[in-house]
Amino acid sequence: MKDDRQQGGTVEARLFAGLEMKTRDGRAERRVPLAEAPTVAALCESLGLPSGTVGLVLVNGVHGDASTVLRDGDEVSLFAPVGGG
């Protein structure tokens, strides 16, 4: 069986809580080739997000982190850190 990264594919990135304003193009949703984003960390780098700007990661609705490996068709939701009191 081939690795999804060898087959190509894309992941859907959705940015929330103002993160879209920190990217190169300011868009809140986009498809990213899996070859550019094999992990959440690589996805963030591909989007141009500065280090430390992502507080919460959900991959297909399940908590993830920078090291989470992505697969074709994954939906990744990225949220800015939120403070409160």
PDB file of N, CA and C in Angstrom:
ATOM      1  N   MET A   1       0.843  -1.176   0.000  1.00  0.00           N
ATOM      2  CA  MET A   1       0.000   0.000   0.000  1.00  0.00           C
ATOM      3  C   MET A   1       0.891   1.243   0.000  1.00  0.00           C
ATOM      4  N   LYS A   2       0.563   2.200  -0.849  1.00  0.00           N
ATOM      5  CA  LYS A   2       1.363   3.407  -0.962  1.00  0.00           C
ATOM      6  C   LYS A   2       1.031   4.384   0.153  1.00  0.00           C
ATOM      7  N   ASP A   3       2.020   5.159   0.536  1.00  0.00           N
ATOM      8  CA  ASP A   3       1.850   6.242   1.488  1.00  0.00           C
ATOM      9  C   ASP A   3       1.025   7.339   0.821  1.00  0.00           C
ATOM     10  N   ASP A   4       0.077   7.954   1.553  1.00  0.00           N
ATOM     11  CA  ASP A   4      -0.758   9.026   0.998  1.00  0.00           C
ATOM     12  C   ASP A   4       0.069  10.166   0.432  1.00  0.00           C
ATOM     13  N   ARG A   5       1.211  10.464   1.045  1.00  0.00           N
ATOM     14  CA  ARG A   5       2.043  11.558   0.564  1.00  0.00           C
ATOM     15  C   ARG A   5       2.609  11.258  -0.810  1.00  0.00           C
ATOM     16  N   GLN A   6       2.829   9.985  -1.119  1.00  0.00           N
ATOM     17  CA  GLN A   6       3.329   9.622  -2.438  1.00  0.00           C
ATOM     18  C   GLN A   6       2.224   9.731  -3.481  1.00  0.00           C
ATOM     19  N   GLN A   7       0.972   9.575  -3.055  1.00  0.00           N
ATOM     20  CA  GLN A   7      -0.150   9.636  -3.973  1.00  0.00           C
ATOM     21  C   GLN A   7      -0.599  11.069  -4.244  1.00  0.00           C
ATOM     22  N   GLY A   8      -0.094  12.014  -3.498  1.00  0.00           N
ATOM     23  CA  GLY A   8      -0.561  13.389  -3.637  1.00  0.00           C
ATOM     24  C   GLY A   8      -1.713  13.635  -2.704  1.00  0.00           C
ATOM     25  N   GLY A   9      -2.619  14.480  -3.107  1.00  0.00           N
ATOM     26  CA  GLY A   9      -3.772  14.780  -2.284  1.00  0.00           C
ATOM     27  C   GLY A   9      -3.649  16.151  -1.654  1.00  0.00           C
ATOM     28  N   THR A  10      -4.664  16.499  -0.890  1.00  0.00           N
ATOM     29  CA  THR A  10      -4.704  17.807  -0.246  1.00  0.00           C
ATOM     30  C   THR A  10      -5.279  17.691   1.158  1.00  0.00           C
ATOM     31  N   VAL A  11      -5.031  18.727   1.945  1.00  0.00           N
ATOM     32  CA  VAL A  11      -5.681  18.878   3.241  1.00  0.00           C
ATOM     33  C   VAL A  11      -6.421  20.210   3.214  1.00  0.00           C
ATOM     34  N   GLU A  12      -7.506  20.283   3.963  1.00  0.00           N
ATOM     35  CA  GLU A  12      -8.289  21.512   4.065  1.00  0.00           C
ATOM     36  C   GLU A  12      -7.876  22.212   5.352  1.00  0.00           C
ATOM     37  N   ALA A  13      -7.393  23.442   5.234  1.00  0.00           N
ATOM     38  CA  ALA A  13      -6.995  24.224   6.400  1.00  0.00           C
ATOM     39  C   ALA A  13      -8.037  25.298   6.657  1.00  0.00           C
ATOM     40  N   ARG A  14      -8.461  25.403   7.912  1.00  0.00           N
ATOM     41  CA  ARG A  14      -9.412  26.436   8.328  1.00  0.00           C
ATOM     42  C   ARG A  14      -8.797  27.169   9.507  1.00  0.00           C
ATOM     43  N   LEU A  15      -8.753  28.490   9.406  1.00  0.00           N
ATOM     44  CA  LEU A  15      -8.127  29.308  10.437  1.00  0.00           C
ATOM     45  C   LEU A  15      -9.174  30.141  11.151  1.00  0.00           C
ATOM     46  N   PHE A  16      -9.053  30.203  12.483  1.00  0.00           N
ATOM     47  CA  PHE A  16     -10.031  30.890  13.322  1.00  0.00           C
ATOM     48  C   PHE A  16      -9.354  31.860  14.278  1.00  0.00           C
ATOM     49  N   ALA A  17     -10.160  32.707  14.902  1.00  0.00           N
ATOM     50  CA  ALA A  17      -9.716  33.625  15.964  1.00  0.00           C
ATOM     51  C   ALA A  17      -8.632  34.584  15.491  1.00  0.00           C
ATOM     52  N   GLY A  18      -8.753  35.041  14.247  1.00  0.00           N
ATOM     53  CA  GLY A  18      -7.810  36.022  13.719  1.00  0.00           C
ATOM     54  C   GLY A  18      -6.542  35.457  13.106  1.00  0.00           C
ATOM     55  N   LEU A  19      -6.364  34.140  13.125  1.00  0.00           N
ATOM     56  CA  LEU A  19      -5.147  33.559  12.534  1.00  0.00           C
ATOM     57  C   LEU A  19      -5.015  33.871  11.049  1.00  0.00           C
ATOM     58  N   GLU A  20      -6.147  33.970  10.353  1.00  0.00           N
ATOM     59  CA  GLU A  20      -6.078  34.234   8.910  1.00  0.00           C
ATOM     60  C   GLU A  20      -5.351  35.544   8.619  1.00  0.00           C
ATOM     61  N   MET A  21      -5.424  36.493   9.542  1.00  0.00           N
ATOM     62  CA  MET A  21      -4.773  37.784   9.334  1.00  0.00           C
ATOM     63  C   MET A  21      -3.252  37.690   9.467  1.00  0.00           C
ATOM     64  N   LYS A  22      -2.762  36.586  10.007  1.00  0.00           N
ATOM     65  CA  LYS A  22      -1.321  36.401  10.181  1.00  0.00           C
ATOM     66  C   LYS A  22      -0.683  35.617   9.029  1.00  0.00           C
ATOM     67  N   THR A  23      -1.499  35.195   8.058  1.00  0.00           N
ATOM     68  CA  THR A  23      -0.976  34.449   6.912  1.00  0.00           C
ATOM     69  C   THR A  23      -0.607  35.398   5.784  1.00  0.00           C
ATOM     70  N   ARG A  24       0.031  34.841   4.777  1.00  0.00           N
ATOM     71  CA  ARG A  24       0.473  35.644   3.628  1.00  0.00           C
ATOM     72  C   ARG A  24      -0.682  36.251   2.848  1.00  0.00           C
ATOM     73  N   ASP A  25      -1.797  35.506   2.734  1.00  0.00           N
ATOM     74  CA  ASP A  25      -2.889  35.986   1.883  1.00  0.00           C
ATOM     75  C   ASP A  25      -4.165  36.355   2.630  1.00  0.00           C
ATOM     76  N   GLY A  26      -4.205  36.166   3.937  1.00  0.00           N
ATOM     77  CA  GLY A  26      -5.348  36.588   4.736  1.00  0.00           C
ATOM     78  C   GLY A  26      -6.619  35.779   4.572  1.00  0.00           C
ATOM     79  N   ARG A  27      -6.531  34.603   3.936  1.00  0.00           N
ATOM     80  CA  ARG A  27      -7.735  33.770   3.739  1.00  0.00           C
ATOM     81  C   ARG A  27      -7.951  32.845   4.934  1.00  0.00           C
ATOM     82  N   ALA A  28      -9.219  32.616   5.270  1.00  0.00           N
ATOM     83  CA  ALA A  28      -9.552  31.763   6.408  1.00  0.00           C
ATOM     84  C   ALA A  28      -9.630  30.284   6.040  1.00  0.00           C
ATOM     85  N   GLU A  29      -9.861  29.973   4.758  1.00  0.00           N
ATOM     86  CA  GLU A  29      -9.945  28.574   4.320  1.00  0.00           C
ATOM     87  C   GLU A  29      -9.156  28.388   3.040  1.00  0.00           C
ATOM     88  N   ARG A  30      -8.503  27.250   2.954  1.00  0.00           N
ATOM     89  CA  ARG A  30      -7.784  26.934   1.721  1.00  0.00           C
ATOM     90  C   ARG A  30      -7.422  25.452   1.694  1.00  0.00           C
ATOM     91  N   ARG A  31      -7.167  24.960   0.511  1.00  0.00           N
ATOM     92  CA  ARG A  31      -6.664  23.592   0.318  1.00  0.00           C
ATOM     93  C   ARG A  31      -5.162  23.692   0.117  1.00  0.00           C
ATOM     94  N   VAL A  32      -4.441  22.798   0.761  1.00  0.00           N
ATOM     95  CA  VAL A  32      -2.981  22.796   0.691  1.00  0.00           C
ATOM     96  C   VAL A  32      -2.545  21.412   0.220  1.00  0.00           C
ATOM     97  N   PRO A  33      -1.641  21.348  -0.767  1.00  0.00           N
ATOM     98  CA  PRO A  33      -1.158  20.037  -1.202  1.00  0.00           C
ATOM     99  C   PRO A  33      -0.504  19.282  -0.046  1.00  0.00           C
ATOM    100  N   LEU A  34      -0.823  18.024   0.068  1.00  0.00           N
ATOM    101  CA  LEU A  34      -0.270  17.192   1.135  1.00  0.00           C
ATOM    102  C   LEU A  34       1.250  17.151   1.077  1.00  0.00           C
ATOM    103  N   ALA A  35       1.812  17.242  -0.117  1.00  0.00           N
ATOM    104  CA  ALA A  35       3.271  17.248  -0.250  1.00  0.00           C
ATOM    105  C   ALA A  35       3.900  18.426   0.481  1.00  0.00           C
ATOM    106  N   GLU A  36       3.179  19.539   0.610  1.00  0.00           N
ATOM    107  CA  GLU A  36       3.668  20.716   1.337  1.00  0.00           C
ATOM    108  C   GLU A  36       3.352  20.647   2.822  1.00  0.00           C
ATOM    109  N   ALA A  37       2.446  19.762   3.202  1.00  0.00           N
ATOM    110  CA  ALA A  37       1.952  19.741   4.573  1.00  0.00           C
ATOM    111  C   ALA A  37       1.785  18.321   5.110  1.00  0.00           C
ATOM    112  N   PRO A  38       2.870  17.564   5.240  1.00  0.00           N
ATOM    113  CA  PRO A  38       2.740  16.202   5.765  1.00  0.00           C
ATOM    114  C   PRO A  38       2.454  16.157   7.264  1.00  0.00           C
ATOM    115  N   THR A  39       2.699  17.270   7.967  1.00  0.00           N
ATOM    116  CA  THR A  39       2.399  17.377   9.396  1.00  0.00           C
ATOM    117  C   THR A  39       1.737  18.727   9.655  1.00  0.00           C
ATOM    118  N   VAL A  40       1.170  18.885  10.840  1.00  0.00           N
ATOM    119  CA  VAL A  40       0.570  20.169  11.205  1.00  0.00           C
ATOM    120  C   VAL A  40       1.633  21.261  11.214  1.00  0.00           C
ATOM    121  N   ALA A  41       2.826  20.969  11.719  1.00  0.00           N
ATOM    122  CA  ALA A  41       3.905  21.971  11.736  1.00  0.00           C
ATOM    123  C   ALA A  41       4.240  22.430  10.321  1.00  0.00           C
ATOM    124  N   ALA A  42       4.330  21.491   9.398  1.00  0.00           N
ATOM    125  CA  ALA A  42       4.628  21.841   7.999  1.00  0.00           C
ATOM    126  C   ALA A  42       3.478  22.640   7.385  1.00  0.00           C
ATOM    127  N   LEU A  43       2.249  22.313   7.757  1.00  0.00           N
ATOM    128  CA  LEU A  43       1.098  23.066   7.273  1.00  0.00           C
ATOM    129  C   LEU A  43       1.189  24.517   7.740  1.00  0.00           C
ATOM    130  N   CYS A  44       1.471  24.716   9.007  1.00  0.00           N
ATOM    131  CA  CYS A  44       1.587  26.076   9.549  1.00  0.00           C
ATOM    132  C   CYS A  44       2.690  26.849   8.835  1.00  0.00           C
ATOM    133  N   GLU A  45       3.803  26.192   8.592  1.00  0.00           N
ATOM    134  CA  GLU A  45       4.900  26.837   7.872  1.00  0.00           C
ATOM    135  C   GLU A  45       4.472  27.174   6.445  1.00  0.00           C
ATOM    136  N   SER A  46       3.785  26.256   5.787  1.00  0.00           N
ATOM    137  CA  SER A  46       3.311  26.483   4.425  1.00  0.00           C
ATOM    138  C   SER A  46       2.350  27.670   4.346  1.00  0.00           C
ATOM    139  N   LEU A  47       1.560  27.862   5.401  1.00  0.00           N
ATOM    140  CA  LEU A  47       0.607  28.961   5.449  1.00  0.00           C
ATOM    141  C   LEU A  47       1.274  30.289   5.814  1.00  0.00           C
ATOM    142  N   GLY A  48       2.524  30.224   6.260  1.00  0.00           N
ATOM    143  CA  GLY A  48       3.234  31.431   6.654  1.00  0.00           C
ATOM    144  C   GLY A  48       2.901  31.898   8.055  1.00  0.00           C
ATOM    145  N   LEU A  49       2.409  30.984   8.893  1.00  0.00           N
ATOM    146  CA  LEU A  49       2.074  31.360  10.261  1.00  0.00           C
ATOM    147  C   LEU A  49       3.337  31.434  11.106  1.00  0.00           C
ATOM    148  N   PRO A  50       3.573  32.562  11.752  1.00  0.00           N
ATOM    149  CA  PRO A  50       4.749  32.685  12.619  1.00  0.00           C
ATOM    150  C   PRO A  50       4.689  31.675  13.768  1.00  0.00           C
ATOM    151  N   SER A  51       5.831  31.231  14.217  1.00  0.00           N
ATOM    152  CA  SER A  51       5.922  30.283  15.323  1.00  0.00           C
ATOM    153  C   SER A  51       5.212  30.836  16.554  1.00  0.00           C
ATOM    154  N   GLY A  52       4.457  29.985  17.233  1.00  0.00           N
ATOM    155  CA  GLY A  52       3.777  30.372  18.455  1.00  0.00           C
ATOM    156  C   GLY A  52       2.418  31.019  18.263  1.00  0.00           C
ATOM    157  N   THR A  53       1.935  31.106  17.033  1.00  0.00           N
ATOM    158  CA  THR A  53       0.647  31.766  16.804  1.00  0.00           C
ATOM    159  C   THR A  53      -0.544  30.815  16.863  1.00  0.00           C
ATOM    160  N   VAL A  54      -0.299  29.517  16.886  1.00  0.00           N
ATOM    161  CA  VAL A  54      -1.394  28.538  16.936  1.00  0.00           C
ATOM    162  C   VAL A  54      -1.510  28.002  18.358  1.00  0.00           C
ATOM    163  N   GLY A  55      -2.720  28.096  18.919  1.00  0.00           N
ATOM    164  CA  GLY A  55      -2.933  27.616  20.275  1.00  0.00           C
ATOM    165  C   GLY A  55      -3.646  26.277  20.342  1.00  0.00           C
ATOM    166  N   LEU A  56      -4.569  26.043  19.412  1.00  0.00           N
ATOM    167  CA  LEU A  56      -5.365  24.815  19.409  1.00  0.00           C
ATOM    168  C   LEU A  56      -5.400  24.253  18.001  1.00  0.00           C
ATOM    169  N   VAL A  57      -5.209  22.944  17.895  1.00  0.00           N
ATOM    170  CA  VAL A  57      -5.234  22.239  16.615  1.00  0.00           C
ATOM    171  C   VAL A  57      -6.272  21.129  16.698  1.00  0.00           C
ATOM    172  N   LEU A  58      -7.155  21.091  15.710  1.00  0.00           N
ATOM    173  CA  LEU A  58      -8.092  19.977  15.567  1.00  0.00           C
ATOM    174  C   LEU A  58      -7.898  19.377  14.182  1.00  0.00           C
ATOM    175  N   VAL A  59      -7.741  18.068  14.129  1.00  0.00           N
ATOM    176  CA  VAL A  59      -7.641  17.357  12.852  1.00  0.00           C
ATOM    177  C   VAL A  59      -8.843  16.434  12.777  1.00  0.00           C
ATOM    178  N   ASN A  60      -9.730  16.734  11.835  1.00  0.00           N
ATOM    179  CA  ASN A  60     -10.986  15.994  11.704  1.00  0.00           C
ATOM    180  C   ASN A  60     -11.767  15.993  13.023  1.00  0.00           C
ATOM    181  N   GLY A  61     -11.700  17.137  13.744  1.00  0.00           N
ATOM    182  CA  GLY A  61     -12.446  17.293  14.981  1.00  0.00           C
ATOM    183  C   GLY A  61     -11.798  16.716  16.221  1.00  0.00           C
ATOM    184  N   VAL A  62     -10.588  16.165  16.082  1.00  0.00           N
ATOM    185  CA  VAL A  62      -9.884  15.552  17.208  1.00  0.00           C
ATOM    186  C   VAL A  62      -8.625  16.375  17.502  1.00  0.00           C
ATOM    187  N   HIS A  63      -8.349  16.589  18.784  1.00  0.00           N
ATOM    188  CA  HIS A  63      -7.170  17.375  19.154  1.00  0.00           C
ATOM    189  C   HIS A  63      -5.902  16.791  18.532  1.00  0.00           C
ATOM    190  N   GLY A  64      -5.058  17.691  18.041  1.00  0.00           N
ATOM    191  CA  GLY A  64      -3.772  17.305  17.485  1.00  0.00           C
ATOM    192  C   GLY A  64      -2.714  18.278  17.975  1.00  0.00           C
ATOM    193  N   ASP A  65      -1.517  18.141  17.442  1.00  0.00           N
ATOM    194  CA  ASP A  65      -0.434  19.066  17.764  1.00  0.00           C
ATOM    195  C   ASP A  65       0.472  19.191  16.555  1.00  0.00           C
ATOM    196  N   ALA A  66       1.573  19.893  16.720  1.00  0.00           N
ATOM    197  CA  ALA A  66       2.470  20.170  15.595  1.00  0.00           C
ATOM    198  C   ALA A  66       2.993  18.902  14.927  1.00  0.00           C
ATOM    199  N   SER A  67       3.136  17.831  15.686  1.00  0.00           N
ATOM    200  CA  SER A  67       3.709  16.602  15.127  1.00  0.00           C
ATOM    201  C   SER A  67       2.673  15.681  14.486  1.00  0.00           C
ATOM    202  N   THR A  68       1.393  16.034  14.530  1.00  0.00           N
ATOM    203  CA  THR A  68       0.354  15.183  13.957  1.00  0.00           C
ATOM    204  C   THR A  68       0.565  15.017  12.456  1.00  0.00           C
ATOM    205  N   VAL A  69       0.616  13.771  12.014  1.00  0.00           N
ATOM    206  CA  VAL A  69       0.791  13.450  10.601  1.00  0.00           C
ATOM    207  C   VAL A  69      -0.553  13.588   9.897  1.00  0.00           C
ATOM    208  N   LEU A  70      -0.539  14.277   8.761  1.00  0.00           N
ATOM    209  CA  LEU A  70      -1.760  14.512   8.004  1.00  0.00           C
ATOM    210  C   LEU A  70      -1.897  13.536   6.849  1.00  0.00           C
ATOM    211  N   ARG A  71      -3.135  13.287   6.464  1.00  0.00           N
ATOM    212  CA  ARG A  71      -3.453  12.377   5.361  1.00  0.00           C
ATOM    213  C   ARG A  71      -4.374  13.096   4.376  1.00  0.00           C
ATOM    214  N   ASP A  72      -4.424  12.600   3.176  1.00  0.00           N
ATOM    215  CA  ASP A  72      -5.273  13.173   2.137  1.00  0.00           C
ATOM    216  C   ASP A  72      -6.705  13.316   2.638  1.00  0.00           C
ATOM    217  N   GLY A  73      -7.266  14.510   2.458  1.00  0.00           N
ATOM    218  CA  GLY A  73      -8.642  14.759   2.841  1.00  0.00           C
ATOM    219  C   GLY A  73      -8.849  15.232   4.265  1.00  0.00           C
ATOM    220  N   ASP A  74      -7.786  15.277   5.071  1.00  0.00           N
ATOM    221  CA  ASP A  74      -7.938  15.748   6.445  1.00  0.00           C
ATOM    222  C   ASP A  74      -8.411  17.195   6.471  1.00  0.00           C
ATOM    223  N   GLU A  75      -9.213  17.522   7.478  1.00  0.00           N
ATOM    224  CA  GLU A  75      -9.649  18.887   7.732  1.00  0.00           C
ATOM    225  C   GLU A  75      -8.950  19.354   9.001  1.00  0.00           C
ATOM    226  N   VAL A  76      -8.150  20.386   8.861  1.00  0.00           N
ATOM    227  CA  VAL A  76      -7.360  20.890   9.972  1.00  0.00           C
ATOM    228  C   VAL A  76      -7.887  22.263  10.373  1.00  0.00           C
ATOM    229  N   SER A  77      -8.302  22.399  11.618  1.00  0.00           N
ATOM    230  CA  SER A  77      -8.771  23.664  12.155  1.00  0.00           C
ATOM    231  C   SER A  77      -7.705  24.202  13.094  1.00  0.00           C
ATOM    232  N   LEU A  78      -7.295  25.442  12.844  1.00  0.00           N
ATOM    233  CA  LEU A  78      -6.244  26.074  13.648  1.00  0.00           C
ATOM    234  C   LEU A  78      -6.829  27.299  14.338  1.00  0.00           C
ATOM    235  N   PHE A  79      -6.578  27.419  15.640  1.00  0.00           N
ATOM    236  CA  PHE A  79      -7.092  28.518  16.431  1.00  0.00           C
ATOM    237  C   PHE A  79      -5.947  29.252  17.101  1.00  0.00           C
ATOM    238  N   ALA A  80      -6.061  30.565  17.182  1.00  0.00           N
ATOM    239  CA  ALA A  80      -5.084  31.375  17.901  1.00  0.00           C
ATOM    240  C   ALA A  80      -5.234  31.092  19.401  1.00  0.00           C
ATOM    241  N   PRO A  81      -4.153  31.285  20.177  1.00  0.00           N
ATOM    242  CA  PRO A  81      -4.288  31.144  21.629  1.00  0.00           C
ATOM    243  C   PRO A  81      -5.328  32.130  22.157  1.00  0.00           C
ATOM    244  N   VAL A  82      -6.095  31.680  23.102  1.00  0.00           N
ATOM    245  CA  VAL A  82      -7.152  32.521  23.656  1.00  0.00           C
ATOM    246  C   VAL A  82      -6.883  32.717  25.147  1.00  0.00           C
ATOM    247  N   GLY A  83      -6.973  33.949  25.585  1.00  0.00           N
ATOM    248  CA  GLY A  83      -6.789  34.239  26.998  1.00  0.00           C
ATOM    249  C   GLY A  83      -8.100  34.700  27.592  1.00  0.00           C
ATOM    250  N   GLY A  84      -8.181  34.645  28.856  1.00  0.00           N
ATOM    251  CA  GLY A  84      -9.397  35.102  29.519  1.00  0.00           C
ATOM    252  C   GLY A  84      -9.172  35.198  31.012  1.00  0.00           C
ATOM    253  N   GLY A  85     -10.163  35.644  31.640  1.00  0.00           N
ATOM    254  CA  GLY A  85      -9.963  35.792  33.069  1.00  0.00           C
ATOM    255  C   GLY A  85     -11.204  35.728  33.848  1.00  0.00           C
TER     256      GLY A  85
END
